[in-house]
N, C-alpha and C. Protein backbone atom coordinates (compact mmCIF):
# COMPACT_ATOMS: atom_id res chain seq x y z
N UNK A 1 4.99 -72.31 53.39
CA UNK A 1 4.91 -71.30 52.35
C UNK A 1 5.60 -70.03 52.84
N UNK A 2 6.57 -69.55 52.11
CA UNK A 2 7.28 -68.35 52.52
C UNK A 2 6.77 -67.15 51.72
N UNK A 3 7.05 -65.99 52.26
CA UNK A 3 6.64 -64.77 51.58
C UNK A 3 7.85 -63.87 51.44
N UNK A 4 7.72 -62.92 50.54
CA UNK A 4 8.78 -61.96 50.32
C UNK A 4 8.24 -60.59 50.67
N UNK A 5 8.63 -60.12 51.84
CA UNK A 5 8.17 -58.79 52.27
C UNK A 5 9.18 -57.73 51.90
N UNK A 6 8.64 -56.58 51.52
CA UNK A 6 9.44 -55.40 51.22
C UNK A 6 8.71 -54.20 51.78
N UNK A 7 9.44 -53.13 51.99
CA UNK A 7 8.81 -51.89 52.42
C UNK A 7 9.56 -50.71 51.83
N UNK A 8 8.90 -49.58 51.89
CA UNK A 8 9.52 -48.32 51.52
C UNK A 8 8.87 -47.23 52.34
N UNK A 9 9.47 -46.08 52.33
CA UNK A 9 8.91 -44.92 53.04
C UNK A 9 8.75 -43.79 52.04
N UNK A 10 7.55 -43.21 52.01
CA UNK A 10 7.30 -42.07 51.13
C UNK A 10 6.85 -40.88 51.98
N UNK A 11 7.03 -39.71 51.43
CA UNK A 11 6.60 -38.49 52.12
C UNK A 11 5.12 -38.24 51.84
N UNK A 12 4.47 -37.60 52.80
CA UNK A 12 3.07 -37.20 52.63
C UNK A 12 2.83 -35.95 53.46
N UNK A 13 1.69 -35.29 53.25
CA UNK A 13 1.35 -34.13 54.08
C UNK A 13 1.14 -34.50 55.56
N UNK A 14 1.09 -35.80 55.84
CA UNK A 14 0.87 -36.28 57.21
C UNK A 14 2.12 -36.89 57.80
N UNK A 15 3.24 -36.63 57.17
CA UNK A 15 4.49 -37.20 57.61
C UNK A 15 4.82 -38.44 56.80
N UNK A 16 5.95 -39.06 57.10
CA UNK A 16 6.37 -40.25 56.36
C UNK A 16 5.34 -41.37 56.47
N UNK A 17 5.12 -42.06 55.36
CA UNK A 17 4.24 -43.22 55.33
C UNK A 17 5.07 -44.44 54.95
N UNK A 18 4.99 -45.48 55.74
CA UNK A 18 5.69 -46.73 55.43
C UNK A 18 4.72 -47.65 54.71
N UNK A 19 5.08 -48.01 53.49
CA UNK A 19 4.30 -48.94 52.68
C UNK A 19 4.96 -50.30 52.78
N UNK A 20 4.16 -51.34 53.01
CA UNK A 20 4.67 -52.70 53.13
C UNK A 20 3.95 -53.58 52.11
N UNK A 21 4.72 -54.42 51.44
CA UNK A 21 4.15 -55.36 50.47
C UNK A 21 4.61 -56.76 50.83
N UNK A 22 3.74 -57.71 50.57
CA UNK A 22 4.06 -59.11 50.75
C UNK A 22 3.78 -59.81 49.42
N UNK A 23 4.79 -60.46 48.88
CA UNK A 23 4.68 -61.10 47.57
C UNK A 23 4.13 -60.14 46.50
N UNK A 24 4.59 -58.90 46.55
CA UNK A 24 4.24 -57.92 45.53
C UNK A 24 2.88 -57.28 45.66
N UNK A 25 2.19 -57.50 46.79
CA UNK A 25 0.86 -56.92 47.01
C UNK A 25 0.90 -56.06 48.27
N UNK A 26 0.39 -54.85 48.17
CA UNK A 26 0.39 -53.93 49.31
C UNK A 26 -0.43 -54.52 50.46
N UNK A 27 0.19 -54.60 51.63
CA UNK A 27 -0.50 -55.16 52.80
C UNK A 27 -0.39 -54.24 54.02
N UNK A 28 0.33 -53.12 53.89
CA UNK A 28 0.45 -52.22 55.01
C UNK A 28 0.73 -50.79 54.58
N UNK A 29 0.16 -49.85 55.30
CA UNK A 29 0.47 -48.43 55.17
C UNK A 29 0.41 -47.88 56.58
N UNK A 30 1.57 -47.49 57.10
CA UNK A 30 1.66 -47.08 58.49
C UNK A 30 2.25 -45.69 58.62
N UNK A 31 1.69 -44.92 59.54
CA UNK A 31 2.19 -43.58 59.85
C UNK A 31 3.18 -43.69 61.01
N UNK A 32 4.00 -42.66 61.16
CA UNK A 32 4.90 -42.65 62.31
C UNK A 32 4.07 -42.55 63.59
N UNK A 33 4.53 -43.18 64.63
CA UNK A 33 3.88 -43.17 65.94
C UNK A 33 2.47 -43.73 65.89
N UNK A 34 2.18 -44.60 64.94
CA UNK A 34 0.85 -45.17 64.81
C UNK A 34 0.65 -46.28 65.83
N UNK A 35 -0.52 -46.26 66.46
CA UNK A 35 -0.89 -47.34 67.36
C UNK A 35 -1.02 -48.63 66.54
N UNK A 36 -0.64 -49.74 67.09
CA UNK A 36 -0.69 -51.06 66.45
C UNK A 36 0.24 -51.16 65.23
N UNK A 37 1.23 -50.30 65.17
CA UNK A 37 2.22 -50.39 64.09
C UNK A 37 3.13 -51.59 64.37
N UNK A 38 3.26 -52.50 63.42
CA UNK A 38 4.15 -53.64 63.64
C UNK A 38 5.60 -53.19 63.79
N UNK A 39 6.41 -54.05 64.33
CA UNK A 39 7.84 -53.76 64.49
C UNK A 39 8.50 -53.62 63.12
N UNK A 40 9.44 -52.69 63.00
CA UNK A 40 10.13 -52.43 61.73
C UNK A 40 10.70 -53.71 61.12
N UNK A 41 11.25 -54.58 61.96
CA UNK A 41 11.90 -55.77 61.42
C UNK A 41 10.93 -56.73 60.72
N UNK A 42 9.62 -56.52 60.90
CA UNK A 42 8.64 -57.37 60.21
C UNK A 42 8.30 -56.85 58.81
N UNK A 43 8.85 -55.69 58.44
CA UNK A 43 8.51 -55.07 57.15
C UNK A 43 9.32 -55.61 55.98
N UNK A 44 10.34 -56.40 56.22
CA UNK A 44 11.17 -56.94 55.15
C UNK A 44 12.20 -55.94 54.67
N UNK A 45 12.80 -56.25 53.54
CA UNK A 45 13.86 -55.41 53.00
C UNK A 45 13.29 -54.09 52.48
N UNK A 46 14.14 -53.10 52.43
CA UNK A 46 13.69 -51.79 51.97
C UNK A 46 13.90 -51.64 50.47
N UNK A 47 12.85 -51.24 49.78
CA UNK A 47 12.91 -50.93 48.35
C UNK A 47 13.08 -49.42 48.22
N UNK A 48 13.93 -49.01 47.33
CA UNK A 48 14.17 -47.58 47.16
C UNK A 48 13.52 -47.06 45.88
N UNK A 49 13.12 -45.80 45.91
CA UNK A 49 12.56 -45.13 44.73
C UNK A 49 13.68 -44.92 43.72
N UNK A 50 13.41 -44.80 42.42
CA UNK A 50 12.07 -44.90 41.83
C UNK A 50 11.64 -46.36 41.73
N UNK A 51 10.36 -46.57 41.84
CA UNK A 51 9.81 -47.92 41.83
C UNK A 51 9.41 -48.28 40.41
N UNK A 52 9.89 -49.40 39.97
CA UNK A 52 9.63 -49.82 38.59
C UNK A 52 8.29 -50.53 38.45
N UNK A 53 7.77 -51.06 39.54
CA UNK A 53 6.54 -51.84 39.41
C UNK A 53 5.69 -51.75 40.66
N UNK A 54 4.48 -52.32 40.55
CA UNK A 54 3.56 -52.37 41.68
C UNK A 54 4.20 -53.21 42.78
N UNK A 55 3.80 -53.07 44.00
CA UNK A 55 2.70 -52.23 44.42
C UNK A 55 3.12 -50.81 44.79
N UNK A 56 4.42 -50.61 45.00
CA UNK A 56 4.82 -49.30 45.51
C UNK A 56 4.59 -48.18 44.51
N UNK A 57 4.88 -48.42 43.23
CA UNK A 57 4.67 -47.37 42.23
C UNK A 57 3.19 -47.01 42.14
N UNK A 58 2.32 -48.01 42.10
CA UNK A 58 0.88 -47.75 42.01
C UNK A 58 0.37 -47.06 43.26
N UNK A 59 0.80 -47.52 44.43
CA UNK A 59 0.35 -46.93 45.68
C UNK A 59 0.83 -45.49 45.80
N UNK A 60 2.10 -45.26 45.48
CA UNK A 60 2.64 -43.90 45.56
C UNK A 60 1.91 -42.97 44.59
N UNK A 61 1.65 -43.45 43.38
CA UNK A 61 0.95 -42.63 42.38
C UNK A 61 -0.47 -42.29 42.87
N UNK A 62 -1.17 -43.28 43.39
CA UNK A 62 -2.54 -43.02 43.86
C UNK A 62 -2.54 -42.12 45.09
N UNK A 63 -1.60 -42.30 46.00
CA UNK A 63 -1.54 -41.44 47.19
C UNK A 63 -1.23 -40.00 46.79
N UNK A 64 -0.30 -39.81 45.84
CA UNK A 64 0.00 -38.45 45.37
C UNK A 64 -1.24 -37.81 44.76
N UNK A 65 -1.98 -38.56 43.96
CA UNK A 65 -3.21 -38.03 43.35
C UNK A 65 -4.25 -37.71 44.43
N UNK A 66 -4.37 -38.56 45.42
CA UNK A 66 -5.30 -38.33 46.54
C UNK A 66 -4.93 -37.04 47.26
N UNK A 67 -3.67 -36.89 47.63
CA UNK A 67 -3.24 -35.70 48.37
C UNK A 67 -3.34 -34.43 47.53
N UNK A 68 -3.32 -34.57 46.21
CA UNK A 68 -3.49 -33.42 45.31
C UNK A 68 -4.97 -33.09 45.10
N UNK A 69 -5.85 -33.93 45.66
CA UNK A 69 -7.28 -33.68 45.54
C UNK A 69 -7.92 -34.27 44.30
N UNK A 70 -7.17 -35.06 43.54
CA UNK A 70 -7.70 -35.59 42.30
C UNK A 70 -8.18 -37.02 42.34
N UNK A 71 -7.95 -37.73 43.44
CA UNK A 71 -8.35 -39.14 43.54
C UNK A 71 -9.30 -39.30 44.72
N UNK A 72 -10.44 -39.88 44.44
CA UNK A 72 -11.46 -40.06 45.48
C UNK A 72 -11.58 -41.51 45.93
N UNK A 73 -11.12 -42.45 45.10
CA UNK A 73 -11.25 -43.87 45.42
C UNK A 73 -10.00 -44.61 44.97
N UNK A 74 -9.38 -45.33 45.88
CA UNK A 74 -8.17 -46.08 45.59
C UNK A 74 -8.50 -47.40 44.90
N UNK A 75 -7.62 -47.78 43.96
CA UNK A 75 -7.82 -49.04 43.24
C UNK A 75 -6.63 -49.98 43.37
N UNK A 76 -5.56 -49.56 44.05
CA UNK A 76 -4.38 -50.40 44.19
C UNK A 76 -4.77 -51.72 44.86
N UNK A 77 -4.20 -52.81 44.37
CA UNK A 77 -4.50 -54.13 44.92
C UNK A 77 -3.99 -54.22 46.35
N UNK A 78 -4.82 -54.80 47.22
CA UNK A 78 -4.45 -54.94 48.63
C UNK A 78 -4.48 -56.40 49.05
N UNK A 79 -3.58 -56.75 49.93
CA UNK A 79 -3.55 -58.08 50.55
C UNK A 79 -3.78 -57.92 52.03
N UNK A 80 -5.02 -57.72 52.42
CA UNK A 80 -5.36 -57.47 53.82
C UNK A 80 -5.41 -58.79 54.59
N UNK A 81 -4.67 -58.84 55.68
CA UNK A 81 -4.65 -60.04 56.51
C UNK A 81 -5.26 -59.72 57.86
N UNK A 82 -6.25 -60.49 58.21
CA UNK A 82 -6.92 -60.33 59.49
C UNK A 82 -7.97 -61.42 59.62
N UNK A 83 -8.72 -61.33 60.70
CA UNK A 83 -9.79 -62.30 60.91
C UNK A 83 -10.90 -62.04 59.89
N UNK A 84 -11.77 -63.01 59.69
CA UNK A 84 -12.90 -62.76 58.78
C UNK A 84 -13.72 -61.54 59.20
N UNK A 85 -13.93 -61.34 60.51
CA UNK A 85 -14.69 -60.17 60.96
C UNK A 85 -13.93 -58.89 60.63
N UNK A 86 -12.63 -58.85 60.91
CA UNK A 86 -11.85 -57.65 60.60
C UNK A 86 -11.93 -57.33 59.12
N UNK A 87 -11.76 -58.34 58.28
CA UNK A 87 -11.81 -58.11 56.83
C UNK A 87 -13.18 -57.60 56.40
N UNK A 88 -14.24 -58.08 57.04
CA UNK A 88 -15.58 -57.59 56.68
C UNK A 88 -15.73 -56.12 57.07
N UNK A 89 -15.16 -55.73 58.21
CA UNK A 89 -15.19 -54.31 58.61
C UNK A 89 -14.38 -53.48 57.62
N UNK A 90 -13.18 -53.96 57.27
CA UNK A 90 -12.34 -53.21 56.33
C UNK A 90 -13.02 -53.08 54.97
N UNK A 91 -13.76 -54.11 54.55
CA UNK A 91 -14.53 -54.01 53.30
C UNK A 91 -15.58 -52.91 53.41
N UNK A 92 -16.24 -52.82 54.56
CA UNK A 92 -17.25 -51.76 54.77
C UNK A 92 -16.59 -50.38 54.76
N UNK A 93 -15.40 -50.26 55.32
CA UNK A 93 -14.70 -48.98 55.32
C UNK A 93 -14.47 -48.49 53.89
N UNK A 94 -14.13 -49.40 53.01
CA UNK A 94 -13.87 -49.03 51.62
C UNK A 94 -15.12 -48.57 50.89
N UNK A 95 -16.28 -48.83 51.46
CA UNK A 95 -17.55 -48.40 50.85
C UNK A 95 -17.98 -47.01 51.31
N UNK A 96 -17.29 -46.43 52.29
CA UNK A 96 -17.64 -45.09 52.76
C UNK A 96 -17.13 -44.09 51.72
N UNK A 97 -18.02 -43.33 51.10
CA UNK A 97 -17.58 -42.40 50.05
C UNK A 97 -16.64 -41.31 50.58
N UNK A 98 -15.77 -40.89 49.70
CA UNK A 98 -14.86 -39.78 49.96
C UNK A 98 -15.64 -38.59 50.51
N UNK A 99 -15.13 -37.98 51.55
CA UNK A 99 -15.76 -36.79 52.12
C UNK A 99 -16.94 -37.06 53.03
N UNK A 100 -17.28 -38.33 53.24
CA UNK A 100 -18.40 -38.68 54.12
C UNK A 100 -17.87 -39.45 55.33
N UNK A 101 -18.71 -39.54 56.35
CA UNK A 101 -18.35 -40.32 57.53
C UNK A 101 -19.48 -41.29 57.85
N UNK A 102 -19.14 -42.29 58.63
CA UNK A 102 -20.10 -43.23 59.18
C UNK A 102 -19.76 -43.44 60.65
N UNK A 103 -20.74 -43.84 61.42
CA UNK A 103 -20.48 -44.15 62.83
C UNK A 103 -20.17 -45.64 62.94
N UNK A 104 -19.59 -46.00 64.07
CA UNK A 104 -19.32 -47.41 64.34
C UNK A 104 -20.63 -48.20 64.32
N UNK A 105 -21.69 -47.61 64.85
CA UNK A 105 -22.99 -48.26 64.86
C UNK A 105 -23.54 -48.48 63.46
N UNK A 106 -23.34 -47.49 62.58
CA UNK A 106 -23.81 -47.65 61.20
C UNK A 106 -23.06 -48.78 60.50
N UNK A 107 -21.77 -48.89 60.78
CA UNK A 107 -21.00 -49.99 60.19
C UNK A 107 -21.47 -51.33 60.73
N UNK A 108 -21.74 -51.39 62.03
CA UNK A 108 -22.25 -52.63 62.63
C UNK A 108 -23.58 -53.01 62.00
N UNK A 109 -24.46 -52.03 61.80
CA UNK A 109 -25.75 -52.29 61.13
C UNK A 109 -25.52 -52.83 59.71
N UNK A 110 -24.58 -52.23 58.98
CA UNK A 110 -24.31 -52.66 57.61
C UNK A 110 -23.79 -54.10 57.57
N UNK A 111 -23.16 -54.51 58.66
CA UNK A 111 -22.66 -55.88 58.75
C UNK A 111 -23.73 -56.85 59.24
N UNK A 112 -24.92 -56.32 59.54
CA UNK A 112 -26.00 -57.17 60.02
C UNK A 112 -25.90 -57.54 61.48
N UNK A 113 -25.09 -56.79 62.23
CA UNK A 113 -24.90 -57.07 63.65
C UNK A 113 -24.91 -55.76 64.43
N UNK A 114 -26.10 -55.18 64.66
CA UNK A 114 -26.20 -53.84 65.24
C UNK A 114 -25.60 -53.69 66.64
N UNK A 115 -25.35 -54.79 67.33
CA UNK A 115 -24.76 -54.68 68.67
C UNK A 115 -23.24 -54.77 68.65
N UNK A 116 -22.65 -54.81 67.47
CA UNK A 116 -21.20 -55.02 67.35
C UNK A 116 -20.39 -53.74 67.17
N UNK A 117 -20.92 -52.59 67.57
CA UNK A 117 -20.19 -51.34 67.31
C UNK A 117 -18.83 -51.32 68.00
N UNK A 118 -18.72 -51.89 69.19
CA UNK A 118 -17.43 -51.92 69.89
C UNK A 118 -16.44 -52.81 69.13
N UNK A 119 -16.92 -53.98 68.67
CA UNK A 119 -16.06 -54.87 67.89
C UNK A 119 -15.65 -54.22 66.57
N UNK A 120 -16.56 -53.47 65.97
CA UNK A 120 -16.24 -52.73 64.75
C UNK A 120 -15.12 -51.72 65.04
N UNK A 121 -15.21 -51.05 66.17
CA UNK A 121 -14.18 -50.10 66.55
C UNK A 121 -12.82 -50.76 66.72
N UNK A 122 -12.80 -51.92 67.33
CA UNK A 122 -11.54 -52.65 67.52
C UNK A 122 -10.95 -53.08 66.17
N UNK A 123 -11.80 -53.58 65.28
CA UNK A 123 -11.33 -53.98 63.95
C UNK A 123 -10.85 -52.76 63.16
N UNK A 124 -11.58 -51.65 63.30
CA UNK A 124 -11.20 -50.41 62.64
C UNK A 124 -9.80 -49.98 63.08
N UNK A 125 -9.53 -50.10 64.37
CA UNK A 125 -8.23 -49.71 64.91
C UNK A 125 -7.09 -50.59 64.45
N UNK A 126 -7.41 -51.78 63.98
CA UNK A 126 -6.38 -52.72 63.50
C UNK A 126 -6.22 -52.69 61.98
N UNK A 127 -6.86 -51.73 61.32
CA UNK A 127 -6.75 -51.59 59.87
C UNK A 127 -5.27 -51.44 59.51
N UNK A 128 -4.74 -52.36 58.69
CA UNK A 128 -3.31 -52.29 58.37
C UNK A 128 -2.96 -51.35 57.21
N UNK A 129 -3.96 -50.78 56.55
CA UNK A 129 -3.68 -49.94 55.38
C UNK A 129 -4.46 -48.64 55.52
N UNK A 130 -4.02 -47.81 56.47
CA UNK A 130 -4.68 -46.53 56.70
C UNK A 130 -4.71 -45.68 55.44
N UNK A 131 -5.59 -44.73 55.41
CA UNK A 131 -5.84 -43.79 54.31
C UNK A 131 -6.47 -44.51 53.13
N UNK A 132 -5.81 -45.53 52.58
CA UNK A 132 -6.36 -46.26 51.44
C UNK A 132 -7.62 -47.01 51.85
N UNK A 133 -7.58 -47.65 53.01
CA UNK A 133 -8.78 -48.22 53.62
C UNK A 133 -9.16 -47.17 54.66
N UNK A 134 -10.15 -46.32 54.35
CA UNK A 134 -10.36 -45.05 55.06
C UNK A 134 -10.99 -45.15 56.46
N UNK A 135 -10.23 -45.70 57.40
CA UNK A 135 -10.73 -45.80 58.77
C UNK A 135 -10.90 -44.43 59.42
N UNK A 136 -10.26 -43.40 58.84
CA UNK A 136 -10.42 -42.05 59.37
C UNK A 136 -11.83 -41.51 59.16
N UNK A 137 -12.62 -42.16 58.32
CA UNK A 137 -13.99 -41.70 58.02
C UNK A 137 -15.01 -42.22 59.03
N UNK A 138 -14.56 -42.87 60.10
CA UNK A 138 -15.48 -43.41 61.10
C UNK A 138 -15.44 -42.51 62.34
N UNK A 139 -16.63 -42.12 62.78
CA UNK A 139 -16.76 -41.22 63.92
C UNK A 139 -17.67 -41.84 64.98
N UNK A 140 -17.69 -41.22 66.13
CA UNK A 140 -18.53 -41.69 67.22
C UNK A 140 -20.01 -41.47 66.94
N UNK A 141 -20.85 -42.04 67.77
CA UNK A 141 -22.31 -41.96 67.60
C UNK A 141 -22.81 -40.52 67.54
N UNK A 142 -22.13 -39.61 68.24
CA UNK A 142 -22.54 -38.21 68.26
C UNK A 142 -21.86 -37.39 67.17
N UNK A 143 -21.12 -38.07 66.29
CA UNK A 143 -20.43 -37.38 65.21
C UNK A 143 -19.05 -36.88 65.58
N UNK A 144 -18.68 -37.05 66.85
CA UNK A 144 -17.39 -36.57 67.32
C UNK A 144 -16.25 -37.53 66.98
N UNK A 145 -15.04 -36.98 67.02
CA UNK A 145 -13.87 -37.80 66.75
C UNK A 145 -13.63 -38.75 67.91
N UNK A 146 -13.38 -39.97 67.56
CA UNK A 146 -12.96 -40.98 68.53
C UNK A 146 -11.71 -41.62 67.98
N UNK A 147 -11.11 -42.51 68.72
CA UNK A 147 -9.83 -43.11 68.40
C UNK A 147 -9.44 -43.18 66.94
N UNK A 148 -8.15 -43.00 66.70
CA UNK A 148 -7.57 -43.16 65.38
C UNK A 148 -6.12 -43.55 65.59
N UNK A 149 -5.73 -44.66 64.98
CA UNK A 149 -4.37 -45.17 65.18
C UNK A 149 -3.29 -44.17 64.82
N UNK A 150 -3.57 -43.27 63.88
CA UNK A 150 -2.61 -42.26 63.47
C UNK A 150 -2.68 -40.99 64.29
N UNK A 151 -3.57 -40.95 65.28
CA UNK A 151 -3.74 -39.77 66.12
C UNK A 151 -4.93 -38.94 65.68
N UNK A 152 -5.62 -38.36 66.67
CA UNK A 152 -6.82 -37.58 66.37
C UNK A 152 -6.53 -36.34 65.53
N UNK A 153 -5.35 -35.75 65.69
CA UNK A 153 -4.99 -34.59 64.89
C UNK A 153 -4.95 -34.97 63.41
N UNK A 154 -4.30 -36.09 63.09
CA UNK A 154 -4.26 -36.54 61.69
C UNK A 154 -5.65 -36.87 61.18
N UNK A 155 -6.47 -37.51 62.02
CA UNK A 155 -7.83 -37.86 61.61
C UNK A 155 -8.60 -36.60 61.24
N UNK A 156 -8.52 -35.58 62.09
CA UNK A 156 -9.23 -34.32 61.81
C UNK A 156 -8.71 -33.69 60.54
N UNK A 157 -7.39 -33.71 60.36
CA UNK A 157 -6.81 -33.12 59.15
C UNK A 157 -7.27 -33.86 57.89
N UNK A 158 -7.35 -35.20 57.95
CA UNK A 158 -7.83 -35.98 56.80
C UNK A 158 -9.30 -35.66 56.50
N UNK A 159 -10.11 -35.59 57.55
CA UNK A 159 -11.53 -35.27 57.36
C UNK A 159 -11.70 -33.86 56.81
N UNK A 160 -10.93 -32.91 57.33
CA UNK A 160 -10.99 -31.53 56.82
C UNK A 160 -10.56 -31.48 55.36
N UNK A 161 -9.51 -32.22 55.04
CA UNK A 161 -9.02 -32.26 53.66
C UNK A 161 -10.11 -32.78 52.73
N UNK A 162 -10.72 -33.91 53.10
CA UNK A 162 -11.74 -34.51 52.23
C UNK A 162 -13.01 -33.65 52.12
N UNK A 163 -13.29 -32.87 53.15
CA UNK A 163 -14.48 -32.02 53.09
C UNK A 163 -14.21 -30.70 52.36
N UNK A 164 -12.96 -30.48 52.00
CA UNK A 164 -12.59 -29.25 51.29
C UNK A 164 -12.23 -28.11 52.22
N UNK A 165 -12.23 -28.39 53.52
CA UNK A 165 -11.92 -27.33 54.49
C UNK A 165 -10.42 -27.05 54.56
N UNK A 166 -9.60 -27.98 54.11
CA UNK A 166 -8.15 -27.78 54.15
C UNK A 166 -7.54 -28.38 52.90
N UNK A 167 -6.66 -27.64 52.26
CA UNK A 167 -5.95 -28.12 51.09
C UNK A 167 -4.46 -28.03 51.35
N UNK A 168 -3.70 -28.89 50.67
CA UNK A 168 -2.24 -28.89 50.84
C UNK A 168 -1.59 -28.22 49.67
């Protein structure tokens, strides 16, 4: 079974964002210098704006609304690929309300495995669709910032933005 991958790059307040789709479904959103960012050659052909159809048009529209402060929950269709455990963590991430945070331990508890906070952290770090799947909303047990594939500065800026402390 073959797939048709495409990508594009859009601007954001956090720098360029690379959106990747497989068979017309968004499967990646990567920041520059992001940890665990796949190699460019795996992103497929480049689609250029303006986008006539999903997923890029829908994703770009929702991201623009989010950065303008008008969108609190993303609805764009996602094709997340990972292990069953990773996908369960990413599902939990999508349940964290806008402007709120959870700890790795709280996510492990929600998954019914309270000793899995380290594994939750590893799965969180492998989230292929940052911002839309809000891994930036996860903090350490003491509430402090811990790892973020896009960098701790971006994580703090996203949290500040969602809390109303910073606007673009």
